[in-house]
C-alpha atoms as a PDB file:
ATOM      1  CA  MET A   1      -7.086  -4.402 -22.665  1.00  0.00           C
ATOM      2  CA  THR A   2      -4.371  -2.590 -24.626  1.00  0.00           C
ATOM      3  CA  HIS A   3      -2.926   0.883 -24.587  1.00  0.00           C
ATOM      4  CA  LYS A   4      -4.837   1.576 -27.862  1.00  0.00           C
ATOM      5  CA  ASP A   5      -8.241   1.860 -26.143  1.00  0.00           C
ATOM      6  CA  ARG A   6      -7.134   3.501 -22.888  1.00  0.00           C
ATOM      7  CA  LYS A   7      -5.054   6.503 -21.763  1.00  0.00           C
ATOM      8  CA  TYR A   8      -1.447   5.233 -22.045  1.00  0.00           C
ATOM      9  CA  MET A   9       1.291   6.560 -19.759  1.00  0.00           C
ATOM     10  CA  GLU A  10       5.089   6.179 -19.827  1.00  0.00           C
ATOM     11  CA  LEU A  11       6.456   7.244 -16.488  1.00  0.00           C
ATOM     12  CA  ALA A  12       9.939   8.335 -15.467  1.00  0.00           C
ATOM     13  CA  PRO A  13      11.055   7.731 -11.866  1.00  0.00           C
ATOM     14  CA  GLU A  14      10.206  11.309 -10.785  1.00  0.00           C
ATOM     15  CA  ASP A  15       6.635  10.644 -11.902  1.00  0.00           C
ATOM     16  CA  PHE A  16       6.179   7.349 -10.110  1.00  0.00           C
ATOM     17  CA  PRO A  17       3.048   7.276  -7.884  1.00  0.00           C
ATOM     18  CA  LEU A  18       2.730   6.663  -4.146  1.00  0.00           C
ATOM     19  CA  ALA A  19       5.975   5.626  -2.385  1.00  0.00           C
ATOM     20  CA  LEU A  20       7.695   4.043  -5.388  1.00  0.00           C
ATOM     21  CA  SER A  21      10.076   6.880  -6.174  1.00  0.00           C
ATOM     22  CA  GLN A  22      11.589   6.550  -2.678  1.00  0.00           C
ATOM     23  CA  SER A  23      11.805   2.752  -2.749  1.00  0.00           C
ATOM     24  CA  LYS A  24      14.902   0.651  -3.115  1.00  0.00           C
ATOM     25  CA  PHE A  25      12.873  -1.412  -5.491  1.00  0.00           C
ATOM     26  CA  MET A  26      12.197   1.464  -7.880  1.00  0.00           C
ATOM     27  CA  PRO A  27      12.314   0.258 -11.505  1.00  0.00           C
ATOM     28  CA  LYS A  28      13.900   2.256 -14.283  1.00  0.00           C
ATOM     29  CA  ARG A  29      10.530   2.976 -15.922  1.00  0.00           C
ATOM     30  CA  LEU A  30       6.843   2.255 -15.701  1.00  0.00           C
ATOM     31  CA  TYR A  31       4.091   1.996 -18.210  1.00  0.00           C
ATOM     32  CA  GLY A  32       0.470   2.408 -17.323  1.00  0.00           C
ATOM     33  CA  ILE A  33      -3.165   2.776 -18.281  1.00  0.00           C
ATOM     34  CA  GLY A  34      -5.671   4.728 -16.261  1.00  0.00           C
ATOM     35  CA  THR A  35      -5.499   7.419 -13.596  1.00  0.00           C
ATOM     36  CA  LEU A  36      -2.688   7.786 -11.080  1.00  0.00           C
ATOM     37  CA  PRO A  37      -3.688   8.353  -7.423  1.00  0.00           C
ATOM     38  CA  GLU A  38      -3.574  11.694  -5.726  1.00  0.00           C
ATOM     39  CA  LYS A  39      -0.257  12.748  -4.110  1.00  0.00           C
ATOM     40  CA  GLU A  40      -1.662  12.468  -0.562  1.00  0.00           C
ATOM     41  CA  SER A  41      -2.712   8.815  -1.143  1.00  0.00           C
ATOM     42  CA  VAL A  42      -1.205   6.017   0.927  1.00  0.00           C
ATOM     43  CA  GLY A  43      -0.564   2.704  -0.835  1.00  0.00           C
ATOM     44  CA  ILE A  44      -1.626  -0.408   1.039  1.00  0.00           C
ATOM     45  CA  ALA A  45      -0.561  -3.671  -0.638  1.00  0.00           C
ATOM     46  CA  MET A  46      -3.012  -6.517  -0.156  1.00  0.00           C
ATOM     47  CA  VAL A  47      -1.699  -9.886  -1.338  1.00  0.00           C
ATOM     48  CA  GLY A  48      -2.203 -13.578  -1.031  1.00  0.00           C
ATOM     49  CA  THR A  49      -2.678 -16.971  -2.679  1.00  0.00           C
ATOM     50  CA  ARG A  50      -4.367 -17.689  -5.967  1.00  0.00           C
ATOM     51  CA  ARG A  51      -6.292 -20.555  -4.267  1.00  0.00           C
ATOM     52  CA  PRO A  52      -7.693 -19.108  -1.076  1.00  0.00           C
ATOM     53  CA  SER A  53     -10.337 -20.447   1.308  1.00  0.00           C
ATOM     54  CA  ASN A  54     -14.047 -20.452   0.578  1.00  0.00           C
ATOM     55  CA  SER A  55     -14.524 -17.473   2.911  1.00  0.00           C
ATOM     56  CA  ALA A  56     -11.652 -15.429   1.432  1.00  0.00           C
ATOM     57  CA  LYS A  57     -13.820 -13.181  -0.776  1.00  0.00           C
ATOM     58  CA  GLU A  58     -15.779 -11.997   2.230  1.00  0.00           C
ATOM     59  CA  LEU A  59     -12.615 -11.609   4.234  1.00  0.00           C
ATOM     60  CA  CYS A  60     -11.154  -9.315   1.516  1.00  0.00           C
ATOM     61  CA  ARG A  61     -14.373  -7.304   1.318  1.00  0.00           C
ATOM     62  CA  ARG A  62     -14.313  -6.685   5.039  1.00  0.00           C
ATOM     63  CA  LEU A  63     -10.631  -5.762   5.095  1.00  0.00           C
ATOM     64  CA  VAL A  64     -10.956  -3.330   2.196  1.00  0.00           C
ATOM     65  CA  LYS A  65     -14.240  -1.883   3.539  1.00  0.00           C
ATOM     66  CA  SER A  66     -12.359  -0.790   6.704  1.00  0.00           C
ATOM     67  CA  LEU A  67     -10.297   1.601   4.544  1.00  0.00           C
ATOM     68  CA  ILE A  68     -13.351   3.720   3.567  1.00  0.00           C
ATOM     69  CA  GLY A  69     -12.778   7.353   4.460  1.00  0.00           C
ATOM     70  CA  THR A  70      -8.956   7.135   4.465  1.00  0.00           C
ATOM     71  CA  ASN A  71      -6.429   8.086   1.771  1.00  0.00           C
ATOM     72  CA  ALA A  72      -5.689   4.422   1.085  1.00  0.00           C
ATOM     73  CA  VAL A  73      -5.066   3.015  -2.335  1.00  0.00           C
ATOM     74  CA  VAL A  74      -5.321  -0.790  -2.568  1.00  0.00           C
ATOM     75  CA  VAL A  75      -2.302  -2.161  -4.477  1.00  0.00           C
ATOM     76  CA  SER A  76      -2.178  -5.749  -5.696  1.00  0.00           C
ATOM     77  CA  GLY A  77      -1.197  -7.928  -8.597  1.00  0.00           C
ATOM     78  CA  LEU A  78      -4.435  -8.782 -10.504  1.00  0.00           C
ATOM     79  CA  ALA A  79      -3.867 -12.482  -9.954  1.00  0.00           C
ATOM     80  CA  GLN A  80      -6.727 -14.890  -9.308  1.00  0.00           C
ATOM     81  CA  GLY A  81      -7.816 -15.325  -5.708  1.00  0.00           C
ATOM     82  CA  ILE A  82      -6.834 -12.779  -3.049  1.00  0.00           C
ATOM     83  CA  ASP A  83      -5.465 -10.167  -5.494  1.00  0.00           C
ATOM     84  CA  SER A  84      -8.631 -10.078  -7.538  1.00  0.00           C
ATOM     85  CA  TYR A  85     -10.902 -10.134  -4.521  1.00  0.00           C
ATOM     86  CA  CYS A  86      -9.183  -7.065  -3.079  1.00  0.00           C
ATOM     87  CA  HIS A  87      -9.335  -5.174  -6.361  1.00  0.00           C
ATOM     88  CA  GLU A  88     -13.067  -6.049  -6.663  1.00  0.00           C
ATOM     89  CA  ALA A  89     -13.743  -4.910  -3.104  1.00  0.00           C
ATOM     90  CA  ALA A  90     -11.951  -1.620  -3.728  1.00  0.00           C
ATOM     91  CA  ILE A  91     -14.157  -1.025  -6.772  1.00  0.00           C
ATOM     92  CA  GLU A  92     -17.248  -1.928  -4.718  1.00  0.00           C
ATOM     93  CA  TYR A  93     -16.438   0.547  -1.946  1.00  0.00           C
ATOM     94  CA  GLY A  94     -15.114   3.402  -4.111  1.00  0.00           C
ATOM     95  CA  ILE A  95     -11.465   3.066  -3.021  1.00  0.00           C
ATOM     96  CA  PRO A  96      -8.817   3.697  -5.674  1.00  0.00           C
ATOM     97  CA  THR A  97      -6.848   0.601  -6.675  1.00  0.00           C
ATOM     98  CA  ILE A  98      -3.688  -0.128  -8.636  1.00  0.00           C
ATOM     99  CA  ALA A  99      -2.980  -3.474 -10.330  1.00  0.00           C
ATOM    100  CA  VAL A 100       0.709  -4.213 -11.117  1.00  0.00           C
ATOM    101  CA  ILE A 101       1.027  -6.801 -13.856  1.00  0.00           C
ATOM    102  CA  ALA A 102       3.958  -8.942 -15.026  1.00  0.00           C
ATOM    103  CA  GLN A 103       3.577  -8.396 -18.762  1.00  0.00           C
ATOM    104  CA  GLY A 104       3.263  -5.698 -21.395  1.00  0.00           C
ATOM    105  CA  LEU A 105       0.059  -3.739 -21.763  1.00  0.00           C
ATOM    106  CA  ASP A 106      -0.596  -5.084 -25.263  1.00  0.00           C
ATOM    107  CA  ILE A 107      -0.514  -8.712 -24.163  1.00  0.00           C
ATOM    108  CA  PRO A 108      -4.109  -9.955 -23.548  1.00  0.00           C
ATOM    109  CA  ILE A 109      -5.035 -10.617 -19.935  1.00  0.00           C
ATOM    110  CA  PRO A 110      -6.850 -13.961 -19.845  1.00  0.00           C
ATOM    111  CA  GLY A 111     -10.304 -14.777 -18.489  1.00  0.00           C
ATOM    112  CA  ASP A 112     -12.296 -12.717 -15.992  1.00  0.00           C
ATOM    113  CA  ARG A 113      -9.212 -10.741 -15.060  1.00  0.00           C
ATOM    114  CA  ALA A 114      -9.449  -8.821 -18.352  1.00  0.00           C
ATOM    115  CA  THR A 115     -12.901  -7.619 -17.317  1.00  0.00           C
ATOM    116  CA  LEU A 116     -11.586  -6.716 -13.852  1.00  0.00           C
ATOM    117  CA  ALA A 117      -8.676  -4.759 -15.385  1.00  0.00           C
ATOM    118  CA  ARG A 118     -11.163  -2.695 -17.450  1.00  0.00           C
ATOM    119  CA  GLN A 119     -13.270  -2.059 -14.365  1.00  0.00           C
ATOM    120  CA  ILE A 120     -10.234  -0.866 -12.398  1.00  0.00           C
ATOM    121  CA  VAL A 121      -9.441   1.700 -15.096  1.00  0.00           C
ATOM    122  CA  ASP A 122     -13.088   2.724 -15.596  1.00  0.00           C
ATOM    123  CA  LYS A 123     -13.495   3.398 -11.867  1.00  0.00           C
ATOM    124  CA  GLY A 124     -10.488   5.688 -11.646  1.00  0.00           C
ATOM    125  CA  GLY A 125      -7.667   3.248 -10.916  1.00  0.00           C
ATOM    126  CA  CYS A 126      -4.760   2.133 -13.056  1.00  0.00           C
ATOM    127  CA  ILE A 127      -2.786  -0.768 -14.404  1.00  0.00           C
ATOM    128  CA  LEU A 128       0.998  -0.501 -14.098  1.00  0.00           C
ATOM    129  CA  THR A 129       3.922  -2.543 -15.443  1.00  0.00           C
ATOM    130  CA  GLU A 130       7.634  -2.184 -16.009  1.00  0.00           C
ATOM    131  CA  TYR A 131       7.462  -4.178 -19.210  1.00  0.00           C
ATOM    132  CA  GLU A 132       7.124  -2.780 -22.693  1.00  0.00           C
ATOM    133  CA  LYS A 133       3.906  -3.180 -24.653  1.00  0.00           C
ATOM    134  CA  ASP A 134       4.384  -6.579 -26.239  1.00  0.00           C
ATOM    135  CA  PHE A 135       6.526  -8.214 -23.511  1.00  0.00           C
ATOM    136  CA  PRO A 136       5.111 -11.652 -22.530  1.00  0.00           C
ATOM    137  CA  ALA A 137       4.324 -12.805 -18.961  1.00  0.00           C
ATOM    138  CA  TYR A 138       7.379 -14.994 -18.382  1.00  0.00           C
ATOM    139  CA  LYS A 139       7.574 -16.842 -15.043  1.00  0.00           C
ATOM    140  CA  GLY A 140      10.509 -14.769 -13.876  1.00  0.00           C
ATOM    141  CA  ASN A 141       8.551 -11.573 -14.294  1.00  0.00           C
ATOM    142  CA  PHE A 142       6.342 -12.220 -11.277  1.00  0.00           C
ATOM    143  CA  PRO A 143       8.915 -11.877  -8.419  1.00  0.00           C
ATOM    144  CA  ALA A 144      10.009  -8.598 -10.090  1.00  0.00           C
ATOM    145  CA  ARG A 145       6.345  -7.504 -10.232  1.00  0.00           C
ATOM    146  CA  ASN A 146       6.020  -8.213  -6.518  1.00  0.00           C
ATOM    147  CA  ARG A 147       8.805  -5.884  -5.587  1.00  0.00           C
ATOM    148  CA  ILE A 148       6.961  -3.016  -7.313  1.00  0.00           C
ATOM    149  CA  ILE A 149       3.744  -3.855  -5.390  1.00  0.00           C
ATOM    150  CA  SER A 150       5.763  -3.524  -2.140  1.00  0.00           C
ATOM    151  CA  GLY A 151       7.648  -0.440  -3.386  1.00  0.00           C
ATOM    152  CA  LEU A 152       4.390   1.378  -4.194  1.00  0.00           C
ATOM    153  CA  SER A 153       3.025   0.751  -0.722  1.00  0.00           C
ATOM    154  CA  GLN A 154       3.643   2.099   2.738  1.00  0.00           C
ATOM    155  CA  GLY A 155       2.482  -1.172   4.259  1.00  0.00           C
ATOM    156  CA  THR A 156       1.530  -4.676   3.159  1.00  0.00           C
ATOM    157  CA  VAL A 157      -1.342  -6.955   4.301  1.00  0.00           C
ATOM    158  CA  LEU A 158      -0.735 -10.704   3.882  1.00  0.00           C
ATOM    159  CA  VAL A 159      -4.307 -12.005   3.680  1.00  0.00           C
ATOM    160  CA  GLN A 160      -3.975 -15.715   3.010  1.00  0.00           C
ATOM    161  CA  SER A 161      -0.946 -17.599   1.712  1.00  0.00           C
ATOM    162  CA  LYS A 162       0.809 -20.957   1.823  1.00  0.00           C
ATOM    163  CA  LEU A 163       4.343 -21.226   3.128  1.00  0.00           C
ATOM    164  CA  LYS A 164       5.614 -20.718  -0.452  1.00  0.00           C
ATOM    165  CA  GLY A 165       4.306 -18.285  -2.986  1.00  0.00           C
ATOM    166  CA  GLY A 166       4.622 -14.901  -4.594  1.00  0.00           C
ATOM    167  CA  ALA A 167       2.791 -13.156  -1.748  1.00  0.00           C
ATOM    168  CA  LEU A 168       5.603 -14.040   0.608  1.00  0.00           C
ATOM    169  CA  ILE A 169       8.077 -12.354  -1.773  1.00  0.00           C
ATOM    170  CA  THR A 170       6.029  -9.179  -1.434  1.00  0.00           C
ATOM    171  CA  ALA A 171       6.009  -9.610   2.353  1.00  0.00           C
ATOM    172  CA  ASP A 172       9.791 -10.046   2.430  1.00  0.00           C
ATOM    173  CA  ASN A 173      10.281  -6.990   0.226  1.00  0.00           C
ATOM    174  CA  CYS A 174       8.145  -5.005   2.621  1.00  0.00           C
ATOM    175  CA  LEU A 175      10.283  -6.088   5.575  1.00  0.00           C
ATOM    176  CA  GLN A 176      13.528  -5.294   3.654  1.00  0.00           C
ATOM    177  CA  GLU A 177      12.429  -1.642   3.558  1.00  0.00           C
ATOM    178  CA  ASN A 178      11.343  -1.646   7.215  1.00  0.00           C
ATOM    179  CA  LYS A 179       7.756  -1.017   6.200  1.00  0.00           C
ATOM    180  CA  PRO A 180       4.954  -2.442   8.373  1.00  0.00           C
ATOM    181  CA  LEU A 181       3.726  -5.899   7.530  1.00  0.00           C
ATOM    182  CA  PHE A 182       0.232  -6.981   8.645  1.00  0.00           C
ATOM    183  CA  ALA A 183      -1.093 -10.526   8.532  1.00  0.00           C
ATOM    184  CA  VAL A 184      -4.480 -12.159   9.051  1.00  0.00           C
ATOM    185  CA  PRO A 185      -4.148 -15.112  11.525  1.00  0.00           C
ATOM    186  CA  GLY A 186      -5.735 -18.440  10.695  1.00  0.00           C
ATOM    187  CA  ASP A 187      -6.332 -21.944  11.976  1.00  0.00           C
ATOM    188  CA  PHE A 188      -3.131 -23.895  12.754  1.00  0.00           C
ATOM    189  CA  ASP A 189      -4.141 -26.629  10.278  1.00  0.00           C
ATOM    190  CA  SER A 190      -5.176 -24.280   7.463  1.00  0.00           C
ATOM    191  CA  GLU A 191      -2.713 -24.385   4.539  1.00  0.00           C
ATOM    192  CA  VAL A 192      -3.671 -20.923   3.370  1.00  0.00           C
ATOM    193  CA  ALA A 193      -3.030 -19.521   6.833  1.00  0.00           C
ATOM    194  CA  SER A 194       0.440 -21.057   7.138  1.00  0.00           C
ATOM    195  CA  GLY A 195       2.109 -18.060   5.534  1.00  0.00           C
ATOM    196  CA  PRO A 196       0.580 -15.380   7.695  1.00  0.00           C
ATOM    197  CA  ASN A 197       0.943 -17.515  10.795  1.00  0.00           C
ATOM    198  CA  PHE A 198       4.657 -17.985  10.078  1.00  0.00           C
ATOM    199  CA  TYR A 199       5.298 -14.245  10.018  1.00  0.00           C
ATOM    200  CA  LEU A 200       3.215 -13.705  13.091  1.00  0.00           C
ATOM    201  CA  ASP A 201       5.059 -16.464  14.967  1.00  0.00           C
ATOM    202  CA  GLN A 202       8.349 -14.876  13.990  1.00  0.00           C
ATOM    203  CA  GLY A 203       7.217 -11.522  15.307  1.00  0.00           C
ATOM    204  CA  LYS A 204       7.685  -9.992  11.849  1.00  0.00           C
ATOM    205  CA  ALA A 205       4.015  -9.021  11.242  1.00  0.00           C
ATOM    206  CA  THR A 206       1.257  -7.296  13.159  1.00  0.00           C
ATOM    207  CA  PRO A 207      -1.935  -9.377  13.484  1.00  0.00           C
ATOM    208  CA  VAL A 208      -5.244  -8.231  12.052  1.00  0.00           C
ATOM    209  CA  PHE A 209      -7.614 -10.397  14.137  1.00  0.00           C
ATOM    210  CA  ILE A 210     -10.787  -8.574  13.102  1.00  0.00           C
ATOM    211  CA  PRO A 211     -10.972  -7.496   9.401  1.00  0.00           C
ATOM    212  CA  GLU A 212     -12.894  -4.305  10.275  1.00  0.00           C
ATOM    213  CA  SER A 213      -9.933  -3.216  12.434  1.00  0.00           C
ATOM    214  CA  LEU A 214      -7.413  -3.049   9.606  1.00  0.00           C
ATOM    215  CA  ARG A 215      -7.620   0.741   9.403  1.00  0.00           C
ATOM    216  CA  LEU A 216      -6.940   1.096  13.138  1.00  0.00           C
ATOM    217  CA  VAL A 217      -4.218  -1.563  13.203  1.00  0.00           C
ATOM    218  CA  ALA A 218      -2.449   0.071  10.262  1.00  0.00           C
ATOM    219  CA  GLY A 219      -2.821   3.465  11.855  1.00  0.00           C
ATOM    220  CA  LEU A 220      -4.608   5.073   8.931  1.00  0.00           C
ATOM    221  CA  PRO A 221      -6.476   8.186  10.015  1.00  0.00           C
ATOM    222  CA  GLN A 222      -9.926   8.979   8.763  1.00  0.00           C
ATOM    223  CA  VAL A 223      -9.407  11.981   6.502  1.00  0.00           C
ATOM    224  CA  LYS A 224     -12.926  12.194   5.077  1.00  0.00           C
ATOM    225  CA  SER A 225     -15.918  13.181   7.159  1.00  0.00           C
ATOM    226  CA  ASN A 226     -19.287  14.013   5.671  1.00  0.00           C
ATOM    227  CA  ASP A 227     -17.597  13.880   2.231  1.00  0.00           C
ATOM    228  CA  SER A 228     -15.168  16.650   3.116  1.00  0.00           C
ATOM    229  CA  LEU A 229     -11.437  16.439   3.759  1.00  0.00           C
ATOM    230  CA  CYS A 230      -9.979  17.389   7.103  1.00  0.00           C
ATOM    231  CA  THR A 231      -7.840  20.495   7.203  1.00  0.00           C
ATOM    232  CA  ALA A 232      -4.448  19.053   8.024  1.00  0.00           C
ATOM    233  CA  PRO A 233      -1.796  21.360   6.515  1.00  0.00           C
ATOM    234  CA  SER A 234       0.391  20.195   3.660  1.00  0.00           C
ATOM    235  CA  LEU A 235       4.189  20.486   3.438  1.00  0.00           C
ATOM    236  CA  SER A 236       3.752  23.308   0.933  1.00  0.00           C
ATOM    237  CA  GLN A 237       1.392  25.150   3.229  1.00  0.00           C
ATOM    238  CA  VAL A 238       3.804  24.797   6.133  1.00  0.00           C
ATOM    239  CA  ALA A 239       6.674  26.057   3.971  1.00  0.00           C
ATOM    240  CA  ALA A 240       4.562  29.059   2.893  1.00  0.00           C
ATOM    241  CA  THR A 241       4.394  30.168   6.524  1.00  0.00           C
ATOM    242  CA  GLY A 242       8.183  30.375   6.664  1.00  0.00           C
ATOM    243  CA  CYS A 243       8.564  27.179   8.712  1.00  0.00           C
ATOM    244  CA  THR A 244      11.496  25.068   7.590  1.00  0.00           C
ATOM    245  CA  LEU A 245      11.717  21.485   8.661  1.00  0.00           C
ATOM    246  CA  SER A 246      15.019  19.769   9.442  1.00  0.00           C
ATOM    247  CA  PRO A 247      16.113  17.062   6.987  1.00  0.00           C
ATOM    248  CA  ASP A 248      15.434  14.346   9.630  1.00  0.00           C
ATOM    249  CA  ALA A 249      11.931  15.714  10.380  1.00  0.00           C
ATOM    250  CA  LEU A 250      11.092  15.873   6.672  1.00  0.00           C
ATOM    251  CA  ARG A 251      12.375  12.315   6.116  1.00  0.00           C
ATOM    252  CA  LEU A 252      10.469  10.879   9.090  1.00  0.00           C
ATOM    253  CA  PHE A 253       7.250  12.668   8.093  1.00  0.00           C
ATOM    254  CA  LYS A 254       7.429  11.344   4.516  1.00  0.00           C
ATOM    255  CA  GLN A 255       8.091   7.842   5.828  1.00  0.00           C
ATOM    256  CA  PHE A 256       5.091   7.791   8.100  1.00  0.00           C
ATOM    257  CA  ASN A 257       2.688  10.226   6.459  1.00  0.00           C
ATOM    258  CA  GLY A 258      -0.848   8.958   6.722  1.00  0.00           C
ATOM    259  CA  PHE A 259      -0.115   6.520   9.501  1.00  0.00           C
ATOM    260  CA  ARG A 260      -0.561   6.268  13.242  1.00  0.00           C
ATOM    261  CA  LYS A 261       2.603   5.057  15.079  1.00  0.00           C
ATOM    262  CA  THR A 262       3.400   4.376  18.706  1.00  0.00           C
ATOM    263  CA  PHE A 263       6.697   5.585  20.065  1.00  0.00           C
ATOM    264  CA  PRO A 264       8.090   1.952  20.118  1.00  0.00           C
ATOM    265  CA  ASP A 265       7.057   1.663  16.472  1.00  0.00           C
ATOM    266  CA  LEU A 266       9.015   4.767  15.624  1.00  0.00           C
ATOM    267  CA  GLN A 267      12.053   3.529  17.526  1.00  0.00           C
ATOM    268  CA  ARG A 268      11.939   0.237  15.707  1.00  0.00           C
ATOM    269  CA  GLU A 269      11.289   1.545  12.189  1.00  0.00           C
ATOM    270  CA  CYS A 270      13.313   4.788  11.792  1.00  0.00           C
ATOM    271  CA  ASN A 271      16.700   3.812  13.308  1.00  0.00           C
ATOM    272  CA  LEU A 272      17.170   6.987  15.381  1.00  0.00           C
ATOM    273  CA  LYS A 273      17.934   7.536  19.035  1.00  0.00           C
ATOM    274  CA  PRO A 274      14.894   8.187  21.295  1.00  0.00           C
ATOM    275  CA  VAL A 275      16.041  11.716  22.101  1.00  0.00           C
ATOM    276  CA  ASN A 276      16.300  12.548  18.380  1.00  0.00           C
ATOM    277  CA  ILE A 277      12.818  11.064  17.720  1.00  0.00           C
ATOM    278  CA  LEU A 278      11.359  13.204  20.485  1.00  0.00           C
ATOM    279  CA  ALA A 279      12.949  16.331  19.044  1.00  0.00           C
ATOM    280  CA  ILE A 280      11.595  15.514  15.538  1.00  0.00           C
ATOM    281  CA  LEU A 281       8.087  14.791  16.926  1.00  0.00           C
ATOM    282  CA  THR A 282       8.099  18.188  18.682  1.00  0.00           C
ATOM    283  CA  GLU A 283       9.174  19.874  15.443  1.00  0.00           C
ATOM    284  CA  LEU A 284       6.391  18.176  13.457  1.00  0.00           C
ATOM    285  CA  GLU A 285       3.719  18.879  16.124  1.00  0.00           C
ATOM    286  CA  LEU A 286       4.658  22.592  16.125  1.00  0.00           C
ATOM    287  CA  ALA A 287       4.304  22.553  12.314  1.00  0.00           C
ATOM    288  CA  GLY A 288       0.869  20.954  12.583  1.00  0.00           C
ATOM    289  CA  LEU A 289       1.981  17.798  10.739  1.00  0.00           C
ATOM    290  CA  ALA A 290       1.764  15.413  13.654  1.00  0.00           C
ATOM    291  CA  SER A 291      -0.437  15.092  16.704  1.00  0.00           C
ATOM    292  CA  THR A 292      -0.746  12.856  19.727  1.00  0.00           C
ATOM    293  CA  PRO A 293      -3.723  12.459  22.092  1.00  0.00           C
ATOM    294  CA  ASP A 294      -1.779  10.501  24.688  1.00  0.00           C
ATOM    295  CA  ASN A 295       1.948  11.042  24.099  1.00  0.00           C
ATOM    296  CA  PHE A 296       2.206   7.417  22.993  1.00  0.00           C
ATOM    297  CA  GLN A 297       0.387   7.239  19.676  1.00  0.00           C
ATOM    298  CA  PHE A 298       1.405   9.783  16.972  1.00  0.00           C
ATOM    299  CA  TYR A 299      -0.709  10.628  13.956  1.00  0.00           C
ATOM    300  CA  PHE A 300       0.996  11.893  10.809  1.00  0.00           C
ATOM    301  CA  ASN A 301      -1.952  13.386   8.960  1.00  0.00           C
ATOM    302  CA  GLY A 302      -0.548  15.919   6.529  1.00  0.00           C
ATOM    303  CA  THR A 303      -0.211  15.733   2.764  1.00  0.00           C
ATOM    304  CA  PRO A 304       2.843  16.158   0.545  1.00  0.00           C
END
């Protein structure tokens, strides 16, 4: 795949998709082929080893399938193994997907991954890179690529990984930005479960015990019902009514938009005093941008 046979994009920071323009890992520029996701989309990074278990493909299918009906975009790195399985599952279930590559767009992608890259673009996704058209895939490019995968996403799922590997770089980048990290537990003697188990043992990740529960564990609301979108107001619609949000409320909403969070989650992830969080939640609820059925779990369901 090259830019010559697909729609080629050169993106400035203000045009970066998903959460990347607010990320500390924001690159100076991006190049892409394909279609950028809608503004209300939520990036979910799904990463792991190039040499997963025999059951990994089905695991990835079930994880990704759980995201049907949400605003999720599956973000990964187009590598063999877990990355490719997640991209393939996203295509299968009609979920947008973004592949971030560690080379220029004119450099041929080897093997079956070239076919997968074309399928991603054909199905409404895109391929992104920070490297110019003819820049080769040097070894040092891959850790840099991983920071963009994390930067695009509002949460990361560590599917299967050894104790060393690029997927752990993405996981660490996720934690550096205080974004939620999710991990699939595995057998104690499974090498490809050692990475997820490590983060779970350290209390740094939330477990996804049942693949079909990823949507609920990640707090992603169902925004599509009978093929129609729910009518949560957008920030622009709220502003049109004359309602002005405080800077802290606006910042918190943008950080958690599209997610379900408990009050302890909010205390841990937004670094504000409880009394200030309560005031912000009240402000967002009055604006129609947040709701809670039990005063413990809070849904941030609006769109930018």
